[in-house]
C-alpha atoms as a PDB file:
ATOM      1  CA  ILE A   1     -53.610 -25.956  41.145  1.00  0.00           C
ATOM      2  CA  ASN A   2     -55.754 -25.653  44.160  1.00  0.00           C
ATOM      3  CA  ARG A   3     -57.643 -29.120  42.838  1.00  0.00           C
ATOM      4  CA  GLU A   4     -53.959 -30.677  43.414  1.00  0.00           C
ATOM      5  CA  LEU A   5     -53.351 -29.599  46.451  1.00  0.00           C
ATOM      6  CA  ARG A   6     -56.212 -30.685  48.032  1.00  0.00           C
ATOM      7  CA  ARG A   7     -55.518 -33.948  46.932  1.00  0.00           C
ATOM      8  CA  MET A   8     -52.092 -34.261  48.420  1.00  0.00           C
ATOM      9  CA  ALA A   9     -52.415 -34.627  52.459  1.00  0.00           C
ATOM     10  CA  PRO A  10     -52.220 -31.304  54.281  1.00  0.00           C
ATOM     11  CA  LYS A  11     -48.774 -31.458  55.760  1.00  0.00           C
ATOM     12  CA  TYR A  12     -47.047 -31.452  52.367  1.00  0.00           C
ATOM     13  CA  ALA A  13     -49.495 -29.129  50.260  1.00  0.00           C
ATOM     14  CA  THR A  14     -49.133 -26.259  53.252  1.00  0.00           C
ATOM     15  CA  CYS A  15     -45.162 -26.532  53.033  1.00  0.00           C
ATOM     16  CA  LEU A  16     -45.212 -26.332  49.277  1.00  0.00           C
ATOM     17  CA  VAL A  17     -47.690 -23.091  49.782  1.00  0.00           C
ATOM     18  CA  LEU A  18     -45.881 -21.740  52.633  1.00  0.00           C
ATOM     19  CA  HIS A  19     -42.361 -21.900  50.329  1.00  0.00           C
ATOM     20  CA  SER A  20     -43.633 -21.517  47.107  1.00  0.00           C
ATOM     21  CA  ALA A  21     -46.562 -18.604  47.659  1.00  0.00           C
ATOM     22  CA  GLN A  22     -44.844 -17.036  50.679  1.00  0.00           C
ATOM     23  CA  GLY A  23     -41.371 -17.587  50.574  1.00  0.00           C
ATOM     24  CA  LEU A  24     -40.770 -19.342  53.575  1.00  0.00           C
ATOM     25  CA  SER A  25     -37.556 -20.666  54.499  1.00  0.00           C
ATOM     26  CA  TYR A  26     -36.462 -24.126  55.193  1.00  0.00           C
ATOM     27  CA  ARG A  27     -35.900 -22.677  58.676  1.00  0.00           C
ATOM     28  CA  ALA A  28     -39.386 -21.207  58.908  1.00  0.00           C
ATOM     29  CA  LEU A  29     -40.763 -24.288  57.857  1.00  0.00           C
ATOM     30  CA  ALA A  30     -39.117 -26.081  59.925  1.00  0.00           C
ATOM     31  CA  GLU A  31     -40.352 -23.980  62.926  1.00  0.00           C
ATOM     32  CA  ALA A  32     -43.804 -23.920  61.504  1.00  0.00           C
ATOM     33  CA  PHE A  33     -44.119 -27.800  61.416  1.00  0.00           C
ATOM     34  CA  GLY A  34     -41.659 -28.380  64.717  1.00  0.00           C
ATOM     35  CA  ILE A  35     -38.971 -30.748  62.606  1.00  0.00           C
ATOM     36  CA  THR A  36     -34.960 -29.760  61.810  1.00  0.00           C
ATOM     37  CA  PRO A  37     -34.442 -28.218  58.851  1.00  0.00           C
ATOM     38  CA  GLY A  38     -33.526 -31.007  57.147  1.00  0.00           C
ATOM     39  CA  ALA A  39     -36.747 -33.177  57.355  1.00  0.00           C
ATOM     40  CA  ALA A  40     -38.514 -29.533  55.880  1.00  0.00           C
ATOM     41  CA  ALA A  41     -36.364 -30.072  52.523  1.00  0.00           C
ATOM     42  CA  VAL A  42     -37.290 -33.681  52.715  1.00  0.00           C
ATOM     43  CA  HIS A  43     -41.177 -32.814  52.884  1.00  0.00           C
ATOM     44  CA  LEU A  44     -40.668 -29.894  50.341  1.00  0.00           C
ATOM     45  CA  ALA A  45     -38.973 -32.416  48.244  1.00  0.00           C
ATOM     46  CA  ARG A  46     -42.131 -34.799  48.299  1.00  0.00           C
ATOM     47  CA  ALA A  47     -44.555 -32.318  47.641  1.00  0.00           C
ATOM     48  CA  ARG A  48     -42.711 -31.269  44.870  1.00  0.00           C
ATOM     49  CA  ASP A  49     -42.755 -34.731  43.575  1.00  0.00           C
ATOM     50  CA  MET A  50     -46.140 -35.201  44.682  1.00  0.00           C
ATOM     51  CA  PHE A  51     -47.766 -32.083  43.162  1.00  0.00           C
ATOM     52  CA  ALA A  52     -46.184 -32.955  39.886  1.00  0.00           C
ATOM     53  CA  ARG A  53     -47.321 -36.311  39.893  1.00  0.00           C
ATOM     54  CA  HIS A  54     -50.762 -34.983  40.633  1.00  0.00           C
ATOM     55  CA  TYR A  55     -50.895 -32.461  37.544  1.00  0.00           C
ATOM     56  CA  GLU A  56     -49.460 -34.163  35.283  1.00  0.00           C
ATOM     57  CA  ASP A  57     -52.309 -37.127  35.484  1.00  0.00           C
ATOM     58  CA  VAL A  58     -54.463 -33.938  35.304  1.00  0.00           C
ATOM     59  CA  ARG A  59     -52.626 -32.975  32.298  1.00  0.00           C
ATOM     60  CA  LYS A  60     -52.631 -36.321  30.348  1.00  0.00           C
ATOM     61  CA  GLU A  61     -56.343 -36.672  31.049  1.00  0.00           C
ATOM     62  CA  GLY A  62     -56.913 -33.402  29.220  1.00  0.00           C
ATOM     63  CA  GLN A  63     -55.219 -34.624  26.081  1.00  0.00           C
ATOM     64  CA  ARG A  64     -58.006 -37.423  26.244  1.00  0.00           C
END
């Protein structure tokens, strides 16, 4: 998990960790990043997509 988070752009990795592991809301993420709650939701959606793609690549590599 840490390796995949390090592969992501820092703003997306941080957003994902703050929301998923620390429980920050969209509003709290928005305040932390200085963006709107809507933009925080977009950041989080992108972060989830990136993480899923990176993690899937690792999973596939492990099956070879």
